[in-house]
């Protein structure tokens, strides 16, 4: 597939543009403690249901929080919190997500400026909700360097379905065959393959190389290796 012209890249957000652990371990702790009014025993019990250990502040590799949508997380938690409606749980999850600290995988402004200087379209497709995703991207100062932003609730579905990626192509006029999907999870890469895109896996999330390899055309430690790879595609 080398020498196939690349016209665009669409990125997952968490674990790809931003380091997963630094952001979402803090989110999970804050969300669970707020949800239970500081009751650590109950917070820990609920945490186990979404694959998070409150004491060690760490996720299990199969945690729904790694690749699932905020709606799917709310569906798991809501039955455990009968004092709150499912909508209230969902709103709390999103509120804490918006406040979660974001650690950039690489300095994002110069990274995205470089891609745009090459004439490439860029976008973000995340299983986070759109509102907190935009808040994170705004805080990083990169919204103006993106052509498209979609969350699972933006009307295109969530990954691993390809709806968000195909919507990006429709919005930018790009042929999926000339677009690269970049992500840290099999959900991301499977969505890319389903959309007919090339795929790049990165190791700034929770999945290791062996997990990503079956779905990735190439795997890098982080997105900072992409410009050099693009140079080699010319």
C-alpha atoms as a PDB file:
ATOM      1  CA  UNK A   1       0.000   0.000   0.000  1.00  0.00           C
ATOM      2  CA  UNK A   2       3.062   2.237  -0.012  1.00  0.00           C
ATOM      3  CA  UNK A   3       2.845   5.113  -2.478  1.00  0.00           C
ATOM      4  CA  UNK A   4      -0.955   5.243  -2.164  1.00  0.00           C
ATOM      5  CA  UNK A   5      -1.564   8.987  -1.789  1.00  0.00           C
ATOM      6  CA  UNK A   6      -2.600   9.951   1.737  1.00  0.00           C
ATOM      7  CA  UNK A   7      -4.978  12.904   1.945  1.00  0.00           C
ATOM      8  CA  UNK A   8      -6.134  12.778   5.562  1.00  0.00           C
ATOM      9  CA  UNK A   9      -5.625  11.317   9.011  1.00  0.00           C
ATOM     10  CA  UNK A  10      -8.313  10.808  11.606  1.00  0.00           C
ATOM     11  CA  UNK A  11      -7.289  10.201  15.201  1.00  0.00           C
ATOM     12  CA  UNK A  12      -8.770   8.629  18.255  1.00  0.00           C
ATOM     13  CA  UNK A  13      -8.451  10.998  21.213  1.00  0.00           C
ATOM     14  CA  UNK A  14      -7.738   9.149  24.465  1.00  0.00           C
ATOM     15  CA  UNK A  15      -4.648   6.989  24.357  1.00  0.00           C
ATOM     16  CA  UNK A  16      -3.705   8.470  20.986  1.00  0.00           C
ATOM     17  CA  UNK A  17      -3.575  12.272  21.096  1.00  0.00           C
ATOM     18  CA  UNK A  18      -3.498  12.129  24.902  1.00  0.00           C
ATOM     19  CA  UNK A  19      -1.922   9.515  27.151  1.00  0.00           C
ATOM     20  CA  UNK A  20      -4.656   7.223  28.431  1.00  0.00           C
ATOM     21  CA  UNK A  21      -3.491   6.364  31.937  1.00  0.00           C
ATOM     22  CA  UNK A  22      -2.617   9.903  33.037  1.00  0.00           C
ATOM     23  CA  UNK A  23      -6.068  11.127  32.040  1.00  0.00           C
ATOM     24  CA  UNK A  24      -8.530   8.366  32.740  1.00  0.00           C
ATOM     25  CA  UNK A  25      -7.167   6.890  35.949  1.00  0.00           C
ATOM     26  CA  UNK A  26      -7.643  10.318  37.532  1.00  0.00           C
ATOM     27  CA  UNK A  27     -11.111  10.545  35.947  1.00  0.00           C
ATOM     28  CA  UNK A  28     -12.205   7.146  37.248  1.00  0.00           C
ATOM     29  CA  UNK A  29     -11.168   7.914  40.812  1.00  0.00           C
ATOM     30  CA  UNK A  30     -12.843  11.329  40.843  1.00  0.00           C
ATOM     31  CA  UNK A  31     -15.987  10.038  39.147  1.00  0.00           C
ATOM     32  CA  UNK A  32     -16.440   7.069  41.485  1.00  0.00           C
ATOM     33  CA  UNK A  33     -15.862   9.078  44.645  1.00  0.00           C
ATOM     34  CA  UNK A  34     -18.245  11.807  43.494  1.00  0.00           C
ATOM     35  CA  UNK A  35     -20.829   9.209  42.503  1.00  0.00           C
ATOM     36  CA  UNK A  36     -20.717   7.681  46.003  1.00  0.00           C
ATOM     37  CA  UNK A  37     -20.292  10.932  47.978  1.00  0.00           C
ATOM     38  CA  UNK A  38     -16.812   9.861  49.041  1.00  0.00           C
ATOM     39  CA  UNK A  39     -17.694   6.336  50.183  1.00  0.00           C
ATOM     40  CA  UNK A  40     -14.492   4.538  49.161  1.00  0.00           C
ATOM     41  CA  UNK A  41     -15.845   1.050  49.881  1.00  0.00           C
ATOM     42  CA  UNK A  42     -18.848   1.545  47.609  1.00  0.00           C
ATOM     43  CA  UNK A  43     -16.741   3.399  45.049  1.00  0.00           C
ATOM     44  CA  UNK A  44     -14.331   0.459  44.911  1.00  0.00           C
ATOM     45  CA  UNK A  45     -17.212  -1.980  44.451  1.00  0.00           C
ATOM     46  CA  UNK A  46     -18.613   0.007  41.542  1.00  0.00           C
ATOM     47  CA  UNK A  47     -15.115   0.409  40.147  1.00  0.00           C
ATOM     48  CA  UNK A  48     -14.731  -3.351  39.799  1.00  0.00           C
ATOM     49  CA  UNK A  49     -17.768  -3.395  37.512  1.00  0.00           C
ATOM     50  CA  UNK A  50     -16.030  -1.096  35.016  1.00  0.00           C
ATOM     51  CA  UNK A  51     -12.644  -2.775  35.410  1.00  0.00           C
ATOM     52  CA  UNK A  52     -11.003  -0.160  37.650  1.00  0.00           C
ATOM     53  CA  UNK A  53      -9.120  -0.803  40.905  1.00  0.00           C
ATOM     54  CA  UNK A  54      -9.621   2.212  43.144  1.00  0.00           C
ATOM     55  CA  UNK A  55      -6.770   1.348  45.510  1.00  0.00           C
ATOM     56  CA  UNK A  56      -4.120   0.963  42.809  1.00  0.00           C
ATOM     57  CA  UNK A  57      -5.739   3.545  40.504  1.00  0.00           C
ATOM     58  CA  UNK A  58      -5.408   1.224  37.546  1.00  0.00           C
ATOM     59  CA  UNK A  59      -7.600  -0.295  34.841  1.00  0.00           C
ATOM     60  CA  UNK A  60      -7.853  -3.922  33.866  1.00  0.00           C
ATOM     61  CA  UNK A  61      -6.952  -4.505  30.228  1.00  0.00           C
ATOM     62  CA  UNK A  62     -10.544  -5.461  29.415  1.00  0.00           C
ATOM     63  CA  UNK A  63     -12.124  -2.464  31.182  1.00  0.00           C
ATOM     64  CA  UNK A  64     -15.146  -1.040  29.402  1.00  0.00           C
ATOM     65  CA  UNK A  65     -13.680   2.414  30.044  1.00  0.00           C
ATOM     66  CA  UNK A  66     -10.755   1.766  27.694  1.00  0.00           C
ATOM     67  CA  UNK A  67     -12.692   1.570  24.439  1.00  0.00           C
ATOM     68  CA  UNK A  68     -16.362   1.809  25.416  1.00  0.00           C
ATOM     69  CA  UNK A  69     -18.545   4.872  25.096  1.00  0.00           C
ATOM     70  CA  UNK A  70     -19.660   7.064  27.982  1.00  0.00           C
ATOM     71  CA  UNK A  71     -23.156   5.737  27.361  1.00  0.00           C
ATOM     72  CA  UNK A  72     -22.010   2.138  27.744  1.00  0.00           C
ATOM     73  CA  UNK A  73     -20.212   3.011  30.988  1.00  0.00           C
ATOM     74  CA  UNK A  74     -23.365   4.712  32.278  1.00  0.00           C
ATOM     75  CA  UNK A  75     -25.398   1.614  31.418  1.00  0.00           C
ATOM     76  CA  UNK A  76     -23.117  -0.489  33.645  1.00  0.00           C
ATOM     77  CA  UNK A  77     -23.015   1.947  36.550  1.00  0.00           C
ATOM     78  CA  UNK A  78     -26.629   3.152  36.648  1.00  0.00           C
ATOM     79  CA  UNK A  79     -28.159  -0.091  38.039  1.00  0.00           C
ATOM     80  CA  UNK A  80     -25.646   0.095  40.903  1.00  0.00           C
ATOM     81  CA  UNK A  81     -26.819   3.613  41.822  1.00  0.00           C
ATOM     82  CA  UNK A  82     -30.599   3.381  42.226  1.00  0.00           C
ATOM     83  CA  UNK A  83     -30.643   6.799  43.889  1.00  0.00           C
ATOM     84  CA  UNK A  84     -29.694   8.352  40.532  1.00  0.00           C
ATOM     85  CA  UNK A  85     -31.295   8.157  37.126  1.00  0.00           C
ATOM     86  CA  UNK A  86     -29.314   6.779  34.226  1.00  0.00           C
ATOM     87  CA  UNK A  87     -29.256  10.290  32.701  1.00  0.00           C
ATOM     88  CA  UNK A  88     -27.873  11.725  35.941  1.00  0.00           C
ATOM     89  CA  UNK A  89     -25.103   9.103  35.965  1.00  0.00           C
ATOM     90  CA  UNK A  90     -24.314   9.872  32.324  1.00  0.00           C
ATOM     91  CA  UNK A  91     -24.113  13.608  33.036  1.00  0.00           C
ATOM     92  CA  UNK A  92     -21.822  13.028  36.014  1.00  0.00           C
ATOM     93  CA  UNK A  93     -19.531  10.823  33.895  1.00  0.00           C
ATOM     94  CA  UNK A  94     -19.306  13.510  31.223  1.00  0.00           C
ATOM     95  CA  UNK A  95     -18.821  16.304  33.746  1.00  0.00           C
ATOM     96  CA  UNK A  96     -15.869  14.536  35.339  1.00  0.00           C
ATOM     97  CA  UNK A  97     -14.520  13.622  31.903  1.00  0.00           C
ATOM     98  CA  UNK A  98     -14.481  17.284  30.959  1.00  0.00           C
ATOM     99  CA  UNK A  99     -12.444  18.066  34.072  1.00  0.00           C
ATOM    100  CA  UNK A 100      -9.973  15.194  33.664  1.00  0.00           C
ATOM    101  CA  UNK A 101      -6.317  16.216  33.232  1.00  0.00           C
ATOM    102  CA  UNK A 102      -4.980  15.821  29.701  1.00  0.00           C
ATOM    103  CA  UNK A 103      -1.366  14.848  29.035  1.00  0.00           C
ATOM    104  CA  UNK A 104      -0.481  15.238  25.361  1.00  0.00           C
ATOM    105  CA  UNK A 105       1.233  12.244  23.794  1.00  0.00           C
ATOM    106  CA  UNK A 106       3.411  14.750  21.888  1.00  0.00           C
ATOM    107  CA  UNK A 107       3.068  18.548  21.642  1.00  0.00           C
ATOM    108  CA  UNK A 108      -0.127  18.620  19.618  1.00  0.00           C
ATOM    109  CA  UNK A 109      -0.159  22.116  18.129  1.00  0.00           C
ATOM    110  CA  UNK A 110       3.128  21.749  16.190  1.00  0.00           C
ATOM    111  CA  UNK A 111       2.242  18.150  15.315  1.00  0.00           C
ATOM    112  CA  UNK A 112      -1.095  19.104  13.760  1.00  0.00           C
ATOM    113  CA  UNK A 113       0.318  22.232  12.152  1.00  0.00           C
ATOM    114  CA  UNK A 114       2.873  20.041  10.388  1.00  0.00           C
ATOM    115  CA  UNK A 115       0.152  17.749   9.052  1.00  0.00           C
ATOM    116  CA  UNK A 116      -1.911  20.688   7.840  1.00  0.00           C
ATOM    117  CA  UNK A 117       1.162  22.224   6.174  1.00  0.00           C
ATOM    118  CA  UNK A 118       1.378  19.034   4.113  1.00  0.00           C
ATOM    119  CA  UNK A 119      -2.131  19.686   2.810  1.00  0.00           C
ATOM    120  CA  UNK A 120      -3.664  16.895   4.879  1.00  0.00           C
ATOM    121  CA  UNK A 121      -7.132  16.982   6.406  1.00  0.00           C
ATOM    122  CA  UNK A 122      -7.282  15.990  10.080  1.00  0.00           C
ATOM    123  CA  UNK A 123     -10.046  14.901  12.415  1.00  0.00           C
ATOM    124  CA  UNK A 124     -10.887  13.238  15.719  1.00  0.00           C
ATOM    125  CA  UNK A 125     -13.268  10.327  16.240  1.00  0.00           C
ATOM    126  CA  UNK A 126     -13.710   9.367  19.891  1.00  0.00           C
ATOM    127  CA  UNK A 127     -15.968   7.135  21.952  1.00  0.00           C
ATOM    128  CA  UNK A 128     -16.017   9.939  24.489  1.00  0.00           C
ATOM    129  CA  UNK A 129     -19.023  12.260  24.259  1.00  0.00           C
ATOM    130  CA  UNK A 130     -18.520  15.213  21.948  1.00  0.00           C
ATOM    131  CA  UNK A 131     -18.880  17.961  24.576  1.00  0.00           C
ATOM    132  CA  UNK A 132     -16.017  16.840  26.887  1.00  0.00           C
ATOM    133  CA  UNK A 133     -13.959  15.875  23.844  1.00  0.00           C
ATOM    134  CA  UNK A 134     -14.240  19.397  22.465  1.00  0.00           C
ATOM    135  CA  UNK A 135     -13.371  20.759  25.913  1.00  0.00           C
ATOM    136  CA  UNK A 136     -10.178  18.673  25.970  1.00  0.00           C
ATOM    137  CA  UNK A 137      -9.208  19.670  22.438  1.00  0.00           C
ATOM    138  CA  UNK A 138      -9.990  23.329  23.122  1.00  0.00           C
ATOM    139  CA  UNK A 139      -7.792  23.264  26.225  1.00  0.00           C
ATOM    140  CA  UNK A 140      -4.968  21.836  24.112  1.00  0.00           C
ATOM    141  CA  UNK A 141      -5.445  24.647  21.597  1.00  0.00           C
ATOM    142  CA  UNK A 142      -5.997  22.335  18.632  1.00  0.00           C
ATOM    143  CA  UNK A 143      -9.642  22.764  17.630  1.00  0.00           C
ATOM    144  CA  UNK A 144      -8.704  25.218  14.886  1.00  0.00           C
ATOM    145  CA  UNK A 145      -6.222  22.669  13.492  1.00  0.00           C
ATOM    146  CA  UNK A 146      -8.901  20.010  12.996  1.00  0.00           C
ATOM    147  CA  UNK A 147     -11.437  19.654  10.188  1.00  0.00           C
ATOM    148  CA  UNK A 148     -13.787  17.302  12.044  1.00  0.00           C
ATOM    149  CA  UNK A 149     -14.605  16.258  15.616  1.00  0.00           C
ATOM    150  CA  UNK A 150     -17.087  13.530  16.518  1.00  0.00           C
ATOM    151  CA  UNK A 151     -18.024  11.794  19.747  1.00  0.00           C
ATOM    152  CA  UNK A 152     -20.138   8.681  20.098  1.00  0.00           C
ATOM    153  CA  UNK A 153     -23.175  10.942  20.524  1.00  0.00           C
ATOM    154  CA  UNK A 154     -22.586  13.128  17.448  1.00  0.00           C
ATOM    155  CA  UNK A 155     -25.007  11.166  15.286  1.00  0.00           C
ATOM    156  CA  UNK A 156     -22.581   8.751  13.626  1.00  0.00           C
ATOM    157  CA  UNK A 157     -22.408   6.009  16.258  1.00  0.00           C
ATOM    158  CA  UNK A 158     -19.322   4.819  18.097  1.00  0.00           C
ATOM    159  CA  UNK A 159     -16.341   2.650  17.232  1.00  0.00           C
ATOM    160  CA  UNK A 160     -15.723  -0.142  16.195  1.00  0.00           C
ATOM    161  CA  UNK A 161     -18.489   0.745  13.724  1.00  0.00           C
ATOM    162  CA  UNK A 162     -17.152   2.964  10.910  1.00  0.00           C
ATOM    163  CA  UNK A 163     -19.836   5.673  11.026  1.00  0.00           C
ATOM    164  CA  UNK A 164     -17.661   8.433  12.489  1.00  0.00           C
ATOM    165  CA  UNK A 165     -14.890   7.752   9.983  1.00  0.00           C
ATOM    166  CA  UNK A 166     -17.208   7.725   7.005  1.00  0.00           C
ATOM    167  CA  UNK A 167     -18.762  10.977   8.258  1.00  0.00           C
ATOM    168  CA  UNK A 168     -15.258  12.484   8.332  1.00  0.00           C
ATOM    169  CA  UNK A 169     -14.760  11.461   4.707  1.00  0.00           C
ATOM    170  CA  UNK A 170     -18.122  12.918   3.734  1.00  0.00           C
ATOM    171  CA  UNK A 171     -17.312  16.183   5.526  1.00  0.00           C
ATOM    172  CA  UNK A 172     -13.860  16.557   3.985  1.00  0.00           C
ATOM    173  CA  UNK A 173     -14.447  14.997   0.574  1.00  0.00           C
ATOM    174  CA  UNK A 174     -11.714  12.417   1.135  1.00  0.00           C
ATOM    175  CA  UNK A 175     -11.751   8.896  -0.281  1.00  0.00           C
ATOM    176  CA  UNK A 176     -11.448   6.399   2.616  1.00  0.00           C
ATOM    177  CA  UNK A 177      -8.777   4.535   0.649  1.00  0.00           C
ATOM    178  CA  UNK A 178      -6.548   7.606   1.020  1.00  0.00           C
ATOM    179  CA  UNK A 179      -7.250   8.171   4.719  1.00  0.00           C
ATOM    180  CA  UNK A 180      -5.367   6.781   7.725  1.00  0.00           C
ATOM    181  CA  UNK A 181      -7.086   5.942  11.009  1.00  0.00           C
ATOM    182  CA  UNK A 182      -4.766   6.302  14.013  1.00  0.00           C
ATOM    183  CA  UNK A 183      -5.687   4.732  17.334  1.00  0.00           C
ATOM    184  CA  UNK A 184      -4.577   2.873  20.424  1.00  0.00           C
ATOM    185  CA  UNK A 185      -7.302   0.209  20.629  1.00  0.00           C
ATOM    186  CA  UNK A 186      -8.712  -2.553  18.491  1.00  0.00           C
ATOM    187  CA  UNK A 187     -11.996  -0.596  18.400  1.00  0.00           C
ATOM    188  CA  UNK A 188     -10.162   2.224  16.600  1.00  0.00           C
ATOM    189  CA  UNK A 189      -8.336   0.005  14.150  1.00  0.00           C
ATOM    190  CA  UNK A 190     -11.323  -2.215  13.406  1.00  0.00           C
ATOM    191  CA  UNK A 191     -13.340   0.913  12.640  1.00  0.00           C
ATOM    192  CA  UNK A 192     -10.608   2.029  10.263  1.00  0.00           C
ATOM    193  CA  UNK A 193     -10.511  -1.308   8.492  1.00  0.00           C
ATOM    194  CA  UNK A 194     -14.319  -1.366   8.217  1.00  0.00           C
ATOM    195  CA  UNK A 195     -14.239   2.109   6.661  1.00  0.00           C
ATOM    196  CA  UNK A 196     -11.684   0.974   4.066  1.00  0.00           C
ATOM    197  CA  UNK A 197      -8.849   3.028   5.553  1.00  0.00           C
ATOM    198  CA  UNK A 198      -5.215   2.292   6.319  1.00  0.00           C
ATOM    199  CA  UNK A 199      -4.533   1.968  10.044  1.00  0.00           C
ATOM    200  CA  UNK A 200      -1.784   3.016  12.438  1.00  0.00           C
ATOM    201  CA  UNK A 201      -1.638   1.679  15.974  1.00  0.00           C
ATOM    202  CA  UNK A 202       0.058   3.589  18.785  1.00  0.00           C
ATOM    203  CA  UNK A 203       1.222   2.324  22.171  1.00  0.00           C
ATOM    204  CA  UNK A 204       0.158   5.292  24.327  1.00  0.00           C
ATOM    205  CA  UNK A 205      -3.011   3.492  25.390  1.00  0.00           C
ATOM    206  CA  UNK A 206      -3.593   0.253  27.270  1.00  0.00           C
ATOM    207  CA  UNK A 207      -3.203  -2.246  24.412  1.00  0.00           C
ATOM    208  CA  UNK A 208       0.187  -3.733  23.596  1.00  0.00           C
ATOM    209  CA  UNK A 209       1.741  -4.399  20.194  1.00  0.00           C
ATOM    210  CA  UNK A 210       0.533  -8.003  20.032  1.00  0.00           C
ATOM    211  CA  UNK A 211      -3.092  -6.972  20.564  1.00  0.00           C
ATOM    212  CA  UNK A 212      -2.998  -4.239  17.924  1.00  0.00           C
ATOM    213  CA  UNK A 213      -0.900  -6.040  15.310  1.00  0.00           C
ATOM    214  CA  UNK A 214      -3.725  -7.980  13.602  1.00  0.00           C
ATOM    215  CA  UNK A 215      -5.568  -4.742  12.837  1.00  0.00           C
ATOM    216  CA  UNK A 216      -2.719  -2.309  12.138  1.00  0.00           C
ATOM    217  CA  UNK A 217      -0.696  -1.679   8.992  1.00  0.00           C
ATOM    218  CA  UNK A 218       2.049  -0.241  11.180  1.00  0.00           C
ATOM    219  CA  UNK A 219       2.530   0.362  14.931  1.00  0.00           C
ATOM    220  CA  UNK A 220       4.466   3.226  16.546  1.00  0.00           C
ATOM    221  CA  UNK A 221       5.320   4.099  20.156  1.00  0.00           C
ATOM    222  CA  UNK A 222       3.360   7.355  19.712  1.00  0.00           C
ATOM    223  CA  UNK A 223       1.962   9.691  17.052  1.00  0.00           C
ATOM    224  CA  UNK A 224       5.232  11.616  16.911  1.00  0.00           C
ATOM    225  CA  UNK A 225       6.577   8.955  14.519  1.00  0.00           C
ATOM    226  CA  UNK A 226       3.887   9.647  11.913  1.00  0.00           C
ATOM    227  CA  UNK A 227       5.542  12.575  10.066  1.00  0.00           C
ATOM    228  CA  UNK A 228       8.624  10.481   9.355  1.00  0.00           C
ATOM    229  CA  UNK A 229       6.443   7.621   8.167  1.00  0.00           C
ATOM    230  CA  UNK A 230       4.563   9.992   5.879  1.00  0.00           C
ATOM    231  CA  UNK A 231       7.864  11.111   4.373  1.00  0.00           C
ATOM    232  CA  UNK A 232       8.533   7.504   3.480  1.00  0.00           C
ATOM    233  CA  UNK A 233       5.181   7.139   1.708  1.00  0.00           C
ATOM    234  CA  UNK A 234       5.988   9.724  -0.944  1.00  0.00           C
END
